[in-house]
Amino acid sequence: MIVSEDDNFFAPTFLTHVNRGLKVYENREDIFSISGYNKPTPLPAWYKHDVYMIRGFAGWGVGMWKEKYNKIDWSMEAYKAMLSNKDNYKELEKNYDFGLPNLIRMRDTGIIQGDYFVSLYLLDKKMFSVYPVVSRVRNYGHDGSGAHGGYSQVYKNQEIYMGNKDASFPLDLLPDKRLTSFILKHLKLSFTQKLKNKIPPSIRKKLKKYYRKFFN
């Protein structure tokens, strides 16, 4: 299946891209999904493939195989077991701290967020998603109209692939450690962001009201 959200804008080759990836990697047990979206961080010029593998999941235009998707246990009990696994948590703290606050919030509220749930599942099962170097999707929900995205010029004006050449999907594609390190380094939280995440939401809400009252 290929899924989307309602604020995605697609490149002309989006469906071709995802369908070709699903065909090429259908027998790869370590690959869970083929993403049409990639974050707007430019990747280094030394990486020569059109696609790359990384642990993570983005629902902004993504293809999956039914038999792999159906293996996910969506229960909160399964989720808490994955999050409390010492090896998983250690990896999250070391390399995926940008997603950890949301993962913890899901555990505490019991409200499942699909992308974060699947990302943790991939970490637990040691599986990957395949992403394009140049995104085939732009999310325009960051124009201020989205329910969760707020406003971001970076996302709203993200460049996407508008050519007609098919991407190359190497059958023997493997995770590139140097590229993974580069990507995760750019996603890591700053000290200020980490400190902010340690403040309970109720306190943060009160601080925002105080700031608006006295500084706006």
C-alpha atoms as a PDB file:
ATOM      1  CA  MET A   1       0.000   0.000   0.000  1.00  0.00           C
ATOM      2  CA  ILE A   2       1.009   3.609  -0.569  1.00  0.00           C
ATOM      3  CA  VAL A   3      -0.235   6.162   1.940  1.00  0.00           C
ATOM      4  CA  SER A   4      -0.237   9.940   2.160  1.00  0.00           C
ATOM      5  CA  GLU A   5      -1.371  12.767   4.379  1.00  0.00           C
ATOM      6  CA  ASP A   6      -3.779  15.435   3.146  1.00  0.00           C
ATOM      7  CA  ASP A   7      -1.194  18.226   2.988  1.00  0.00           C
ATOM      8  CA  ASN A   8       1.357  16.530   0.735  1.00  0.00           C
ATOM      9  CA  PHE A   9       2.387  17.840  -2.686  1.00  0.00           C
ATOM     10  CA  PHE A  10       3.887  15.177  -4.944  1.00  0.00           C
ATOM     11  CA  ALA A  11       6.548  15.214  -7.619  1.00  0.00           C
ATOM     12  CA  PRO A  12       5.388  13.818 -11.000  1.00  0.00           C
ATOM     13  CA  THR A  13       7.514  10.684 -10.475  1.00  0.00           C
ATOM     14  CA  PHE A  14       6.378   9.983  -6.893  1.00  0.00           C
ATOM     15  CA  LEU A  15       4.284   6.876  -7.656  1.00  0.00           C
ATOM     16  CA  THR A  16       6.870   5.494 -10.079  1.00  0.00           C
ATOM     17  CA  HIS A  17       9.592   6.024  -7.484  1.00  0.00           C
ATOM     18  CA  VAL A  18       7.789   4.266  -4.638  1.00  0.00           C
ATOM     19  CA  ASN A  19       6.462   1.414  -6.794  1.00  0.00           C
ATOM     20  CA  ARG A  20       9.922   0.674  -8.216  1.00  0.00           C
ATOM     21  CA  GLY A  21      11.403   0.591  -4.719  1.00  0.00           C
ATOM     22  CA  LEU A  22       8.673  -1.794  -3.542  1.00  0.00           C
ATOM     23  CA  LYS A  23       9.408  -4.085  -6.488  1.00  0.00           C
ATOM     24  CA  VAL A  24      13.205  -4.040  -6.154  1.00  0.00           C
ATOM     25  CA  TYR A  25      13.286  -4.644  -2.393  1.00  0.00           C
ATOM     26  CA  GLU A  26      10.247  -6.899  -1.936  1.00  0.00           C
ATOM     27  CA  ASN A  27      12.466  -9.810  -0.841  1.00  0.00           C
ATOM     28  CA  ARG A  28      14.646  -7.741   1.511  1.00  0.00           C
ATOM     29  CA  GLU A  29      13.626  -8.685   5.064  1.00  0.00           C
ATOM     30  CA  ASP A  30      15.600  -5.752   6.502  1.00  0.00           C
ATOM     31  CA  ILE A  31      13.656  -3.086   4.534  1.00  0.00           C
ATOM     32  CA  PHE A  32      10.229  -2.080   5.848  1.00  0.00           C
ATOM     33  CA  SER A  33       9.183   0.816   3.641  1.00  0.00           C
ATOM     34  CA  ILE A  34       9.983   2.986   0.623  1.00  0.00           C
ATOM     35  CA  SER A  35       9.640   6.662   1.426  1.00  0.00           C
ATOM     36  CA  GLY A  36       8.915   9.328  -1.154  1.00  0.00           C
ATOM     37  CA  TYR A  37       9.792  12.031   1.358  1.00  0.00           C
ATOM     38  CA  ASN A  38      13.180  13.174   2.596  1.00  0.00           C
ATOM     39  CA  LYS A  39      13.963  15.891   5.114  1.00  0.00           C
ATOM     40  CA  PRO A  40      15.093  19.250   3.650  1.00  0.00           C
ATOM     41  CA  THR A  41      18.671  18.879   4.924  1.00  0.00           C
ATOM     42  CA  PRO A  42      21.015  18.724   1.868  1.00  0.00           C
ATOM     43  CA  LEU A  43      23.039  15.518   1.865  1.00  0.00           C
ATOM     44  CA  PRO A  44      26.813  15.533   1.236  1.00  0.00           C
ATOM     45  CA  ALA A  45      27.991  15.449  -2.373  1.00  0.00           C
ATOM     46  CA  TRP A  46      30.230  12.436  -1.741  1.00  0.00           C
ATOM     47  CA  TYR A  47      27.184  10.165  -1.388  1.00  0.00           C
ATOM     48  CA  LYS A  48      26.572   8.956  -4.930  1.00  0.00           C
ATOM     49  CA  HIS A  49      23.418   6.799  -4.712  1.00  0.00           C
ATOM     50  CA  ASP A  50      19.925   8.155  -5.421  1.00  0.00           C
ATOM     51  CA  VAL A  51      18.508   6.501  -2.283  1.00  0.00           C
ATOM     52  CA  TYR A  52      19.743   5.586   1.179  1.00  0.00           C
ATOM     53  CA  MET A  53      18.732   3.407   4.150  1.00  0.00           C
ATOM     54  CA  ILE A  54      18.155   4.609   7.689  1.00  0.00           C
ATOM     55  CA  ARG A  55      16.098   3.591  10.728  1.00  0.00           C
ATOM     56  CA  GLY A  56      13.084   5.841  10.809  1.00  0.00           C
ATOM     57  CA  PHE A  57       9.687   6.267   9.220  1.00  0.00           C
ATOM     58  CA  ALA A  58       7.858   9.177   7.576  1.00  0.00           C
ATOM     59  CA  GLY A  59       4.185   8.972   6.635  1.00  0.00           C
ATOM     60  CA  TRP A  60       4.373  11.840   4.134  1.00  0.00           C
ATOM     61  CA  GLY A  61       4.032   9.602   1.078  1.00  0.00           C
ATOM     62  CA  VAL A  62       5.359   6.100   1.762  1.00  0.00           C
ATOM     63  CA  GLY A  63       4.944   2.584   0.376  1.00  0.00           C
ATOM     64  CA  MET A  64       4.841  -0.603   2.446  1.00  0.00           C
ATOM     65  CA  TRP A  65       4.327  -4.333   1.936  1.00  0.00           C
ATOM     66  CA  LYS A  66       1.165  -5.764   3.502  1.00  0.00           C
ATOM     67  CA  GLU A  67       2.870  -8.799   5.032  1.00  0.00           C
ATOM     68  CA  LYS A  68       5.444  -6.625   6.831  1.00  0.00           C
ATOM     69  CA  TYR A  69       2.940  -4.009   7.965  1.00  0.00           C
ATOM     70  CA  ASN A  70       0.598  -6.652   9.394  1.00  0.00           C
ATOM     71  CA  LYS A  71       3.328  -7.973  11.689  1.00  0.00           C
ATOM     72  CA  ILE A  72       3.217  -4.777  13.793  1.00  0.00           C
ATOM     73  CA  ASP A  73       1.580  -5.169  17.193  1.00  0.00           C
ATOM     74  CA  TRP A  74      -0.103  -1.777  17.678  1.00  0.00           C
ATOM     75  CA  SER A  75      -0.973  -2.360  21.331  1.00  0.00           C
ATOM     76  CA  MET A  76       0.300   0.026  23.977  1.00  0.00           C
ATOM     77  CA  GLU A  77       1.691  -2.985  25.864  1.00  0.00           C
ATOM     78  CA  ALA A  78       3.910  -3.859  22.905  1.00  0.00           C
ATOM     79  CA  TYR A  79       4.928  -0.232  22.572  1.00  0.00           C
ATOM     80  CA  LYS A  80       5.927   0.071  26.234  1.00  0.00           C
ATOM     81  CA  ALA A  81       7.920  -3.173  25.985  1.00  0.00           C
ATOM     82  CA  MET A  82       9.888  -1.821  23.012  1.00  0.00           C
ATOM     83  CA  LEU A  83      10.529   1.523  24.705  1.00  0.00           C
ATOM     84  CA  SER A  84      11.624  -0.060  27.993  1.00  0.00           C
ATOM     85  CA  ASN A  85      14.071  -2.396  26.253  1.00  0.00           C
ATOM     86  CA  LYS A  86      17.488  -1.266  27.532  1.00  0.00           C
ATOM     87  CA  ASP A  87      19.244  -1.602  24.184  1.00  0.00           C
ATOM     88  CA  ASN A  88      16.507   0.344  22.394  1.00  0.00           C
ATOM     89  CA  TYR A  89      16.475   3.121  24.974  1.00  0.00           C
ATOM     90  CA  LYS A  90      20.255   3.409  24.939  1.00  0.00           C
ATOM     91  CA  GLU A  91      20.232   3.777  21.149  1.00  0.00           C
ATOM     92  CA  LEU A  92      17.451   6.370  21.349  1.00  0.00           C
ATOM     93  CA  GLU A  93      19.371   8.458  23.892  1.00  0.00           C
ATOM     94  CA  LYS A  94      22.587   8.243  21.885  1.00  0.00           C
ATOM     95  CA  ASN A  95      21.400   8.795  18.311  1.00  0.00           C
ATOM     96  CA  TYR A  96      17.653   9.532  18.216  1.00  0.00           C
ATOM     97  CA  ASP A  97      17.173  11.992  21.074  1.00  0.00           C
ATOM     98  CA  PHE A  98      15.129  14.247  18.765  1.00  0.00           C
ATOM     99  CA  GLY A  99      12.310  11.687  18.804  1.00  0.00           C
ATOM    100  CA  LEU A 100      12.596  10.517  22.402  1.00  0.00           C
ATOM    101  CA  PRO A 101      10.323  13.199  23.955  1.00  0.00           C
ATOM    102  CA  ASN A 102       7.484  12.201  21.611  1.00  0.00           C
ATOM    103  CA  LEU A 103       8.036   8.514  22.302  1.00  0.00           C
ATOM    104  CA  ILE A 104       7.851   9.123  26.045  1.00  0.00           C
ATOM    105  CA  ARG A 105       4.766  11.314  25.609  1.00  0.00           C
ATOM    106  CA  MET A 106       3.048   8.483  23.743  1.00  0.00           C
ATOM    107  CA  ARG A 107       3.783   6.120  26.609  1.00  0.00           C
ATOM    108  CA  ASP A 108       2.467   8.568  29.209  1.00  0.00           C
ATOM    109  CA  THR A 109      -0.686   9.627  27.340  1.00  0.00           C
ATOM    110  CA  GLY A 110      -1.540   6.358  25.628  1.00  0.00           C
ATOM    111  CA  ILE A 111      -2.111   8.290  22.369  1.00  0.00           C
ATOM    112  CA  ILE A 112      -0.396   6.551  19.466  1.00  0.00           C
ATOM    113  CA  GLN A 113       1.443   8.593  16.827  1.00  0.00           C
ATOM    114  CA  GLY A 114       1.999   6.372  13.818  1.00  0.00           C
ATOM    115  CA  ASP A 115       5.361   7.652  12.572  1.00  0.00           C
ATOM    116  CA  TYR A 116       7.015   7.457  15.983  1.00  0.00           C
ATOM    117  CA  PHE A 117       5.461   4.067  16.728  1.00  0.00           C
ATOM    118  CA  VAL A 118       6.781   2.578  13.476  1.00  0.00           C
ATOM    119  CA  SER A 119      10.197   4.230  13.934  1.00  0.00           C
ATOM    120  CA  LEU A 120      10.550   2.519  17.316  1.00  0.00           C
ATOM    121  CA  TYR A 121       9.345  -0.745  15.761  1.00  0.00           C
ATOM    122  CA  LEU A 122      12.082  -0.523  13.113  1.00  0.00           C
ATOM    123  CA  LEU A 123      14.692   0.111  15.791  1.00  0.00           C
ATOM    124  CA  ASP A 124      13.445  -2.880  17.775  1.00  0.00           C
ATOM    125  CA  LYS A 125      13.362  -5.190  14.730  1.00  0.00           C
ATOM    126  CA  LYS A 126      16.583  -3.804  13.207  1.00  0.00           C
ATOM    127  CA  MET A 127      14.817  -2.801  10.008  1.00  0.00           C
ATOM    128  CA  PHE A 128      15.180   0.213   7.716  1.00  0.00           C
ATOM    129  CA  SER A 129      13.282   2.575   5.456  1.00  0.00           C
ATOM    130  CA  VAL A 130      14.650   3.586   2.056  1.00  0.00           C
ATOM    131  CA  TYR A 131      14.618   7.353   1.460  1.00  0.00           C
ATOM    132  CA  PRO A 132      15.325   9.368  -1.714  1.00  0.00           C
ATOM    133  CA  VAL A 133      18.297  11.727  -1.658  1.00  0.00           C
ATOM    134  CA  VAL A 134      16.038  14.353  -3.286  1.00  0.00           C
ATOM    135  CA  SER A 135      12.515  14.345  -1.868  1.00  0.00           C
ATOM    136  CA  ARG A 136       9.543  13.428  -4.057  1.00  0.00           C
ATOM    137  CA  VAL A 137       7.169  15.043  -1.554  1.00  0.00           C
ATOM    138  CA  ARG A 138       6.696  18.505  -0.042  1.00  0.00           C
ATOM    139  CA  ASN A 139       4.486  19.043   3.001  1.00  0.00           C
ATOM    140  CA  TYR A 140       2.598  22.329   2.748  1.00  0.00           C
ATOM    141  CA  GLY A 141       0.938  21.884   6.149  1.00  0.00           C
ATOM    142  CA  HIS A 142       3.808  23.992   7.486  1.00  0.00           C
ATOM    143  CA  ASP A 143       2.271  27.124   5.961  1.00  0.00           C
ATOM    144  CA  GLY A 144       0.545  27.766   9.271  1.00  0.00           C
ATOM    145  CA  SER A 145      -2.674  25.956   8.334  1.00  0.00           C
ATOM    146  CA  GLY A 146      -1.608  22.517   9.593  1.00  0.00           C
ATOM    147  CA  ALA A 147      -2.910  21.110  12.866  1.00  0.00           C
ATOM    148  CA  HIS A 148       0.546  20.196  14.188  1.00  0.00           C
ATOM    149  CA  GLY A 149       3.237  21.610  11.925  1.00  0.00           C
ATOM    150  CA  GLY A 150       3.104  25.322  12.706  1.00  0.00           C
ATOM    151  CA  TYR A 151       4.923  27.575  10.226  1.00  0.00           C
ATOM    152  CA  SER A 152       8.243  26.800   8.595  1.00  0.00           C
ATOM    153  CA  GLN A 153       9.670  28.343   5.422  1.00  0.00           C
ATOM    154  CA  VAL A 154      12.148  25.442   5.224  1.00  0.00           C
ATOM    155  CA  TYR A 155       9.398  22.833   4.906  1.00  0.00           C
ATOM    156  CA  LYS A 156       6.893  24.988   3.029  1.00  0.00           C
ATOM    157  CA  ASN A 157       9.397  25.854   0.273  1.00  0.00           C
ATOM    158  CA  GLN A 158      11.291  22.566   0.234  1.00  0.00           C
ATOM    159  CA  GLU A 159      12.734  21.723  -3.159  1.00  0.00           C
ATOM    160  CA  ILE A 160      11.496  18.428  -4.583  1.00  0.00           C
ATOM    161  CA  TYR A 161      12.514  16.425  -7.626  1.00  0.00           C
ATOM    162  CA  MET A 162      10.621  17.693 -10.682  1.00  0.00           C
ATOM    163  CA  GLY A 163      12.524  15.795 -13.371  1.00  0.00           C
ATOM    164  CA  ASN A 164      11.402  12.648 -15.177  1.00  0.00           C
ATOM    165  CA  LYS A 165      14.404  10.386 -14.652  1.00  0.00           C
ATOM    166  CA  ASP A 166      13.861   7.300 -12.515  1.00  0.00           C
ATOM    167  CA  ALA A 167      15.998   6.927  -9.394  1.00  0.00           C
ATOM    168  CA  SER A 168      18.411   4.006  -9.265  1.00  0.00           C
ATOM    169  CA  PHE A 169      17.653   1.409  -6.570  1.00  0.00           C
ATOM    170  CA  PRO A 170      20.765  -0.762  -6.062  1.00  0.00           C
ATOM    171  CA  LEU A 171      19.667  -4.303  -5.216  1.00  0.00           C
ATOM    172  CA  ASP A 172      22.568  -4.639  -2.757  1.00  0.00           C
ATOM    173  CA  LEU A 173      21.951  -1.261  -1.044  1.00  0.00           C
ATOM    174  CA  LEU A 174      23.265  -1.145   2.525  1.00  0.00           C
ATOM    175  CA  PRO A 175      23.230   1.525   5.255  1.00  0.00           C
ATOM    176  CA  ASP A 176      26.117   3.961   4.814  1.00  0.00           C
ATOM    177  CA  LYS A 177      27.604   4.546   8.277  1.00  0.00           C
ATOM    178  CA  ARG A 178      29.160   7.881   7.331  1.00  0.00           C
ATOM    179  CA  LEU A 179      25.915   9.179   5.843  1.00  0.00           C
ATOM    180  CA  THR A 180      23.872   7.933   8.821  1.00  0.00           C
ATOM    181  CA  SER A 181      26.245   9.743  11.174  1.00  0.00           C
ATOM    182  CA  PHE A 182      25.912  12.940   9.107  1.00  0.00           C
ATOM    183  CA  ILE A 183      22.096  12.804   9.157  1.00  0.00           C
ATOM    184  CA  LEU A 184      21.757  11.981  12.847  1.00  0.00           C
ATOM    185  CA  LYS A 185      24.232  14.727  13.762  1.00  0.00           C
ATOM    186  CA  HIS A 186      21.997  17.307  12.043  1.00  0.00           C
ATOM    187  CA  LEU A 187      18.906  15.972  13.813  1.00  0.00           C
ATOM    188  CA  LYS A 188      20.319  15.908  17.340  1.00  0.00           C
ATOM    189  CA  LEU A 189      18.777  18.239  19.887  1.00  0.00           C
ATOM    190  CA  SER A 190      20.663  21.253  21.190  1.00  0.00           C
ATOM    191  CA  PHE A 191      21.260  21.690  24.923  1.00  0.00           C
ATOM    192  CA  THR A 192      18.451  24.279  25.039  1.00  0.00           C
ATOM    193  CA  GLN A 193      16.014  21.898  23.336  1.00  0.00           C
ATOM    194  CA  LYS A 194      16.933  19.081  25.717  1.00  0.00           C
ATOM    195  CA  LEU A 195      16.414  21.391  28.692  1.00  0.00           C
ATOM    196  CA  LYS A 196      13.048  22.507  27.312  1.00  0.00           C
ATOM    197  CA  ASN A 197      11.896  18.912  26.940  1.00  0.00           C
ATOM    198  CA  LYS A 198      12.614  18.242  30.604  1.00  0.00           C
ATOM    199  CA  ILE A 199      10.054  20.866  31.643  1.00  0.00           C
ATOM    200  CA  PRO A 200       6.584  19.306  32.109  1.00  0.00           C
ATOM    201  CA  PRO A 201       4.012  20.449  29.479  1.00  0.00           C
ATOM    202  CA  SER A 202       1.811  22.061  32.154  1.00  0.00           C
ATOM    203  CA  ILE A 203       4.708  24.247  33.325  1.00  0.00           C
ATOM    204  CA  ARG A 204       5.662  25.133  29.757  1.00  0.00           C
ATOM    205  CA  LYS A 205       2.093  26.256  29.104  1.00  0.00           C
ATOM    206  CA  LYS A 206       2.183  28.575  32.125  1.00  0.00           C
ATOM    207  CA  LEU A 207       5.560  29.996  31.057  1.00  0.00           C
ATOM    208  CA  LYS A 208       4.193  30.779  27.577  1.00  0.00           C
ATOM    209  CA  LYS A 209       1.235  32.648  29.088  1.00  0.00           C
ATOM    210  CA  TYR A 210       3.601  34.609  31.320  1.00  0.00           C
ATOM    211  CA  TYR A 211       5.840  35.493  28.377  1.00  0.00           C
ATOM    212  CA  ARG A 212       2.927  36.629  26.213  1.00  0.00           C
ATOM    213  CA  LYS A 213       1.508  38.730  29.025  1.00  0.00           C
ATOM    214  CA  PHE A 214       4.662  40.671  29.749  1.00  0.00           C
ATOM    215  CA  PHE A 215       6.566  40.712  26.442  1.00  0.00           C
ATOM    216  CA  ASN A 216       3.901  40.937  23.734  1.00  0.00           C
END
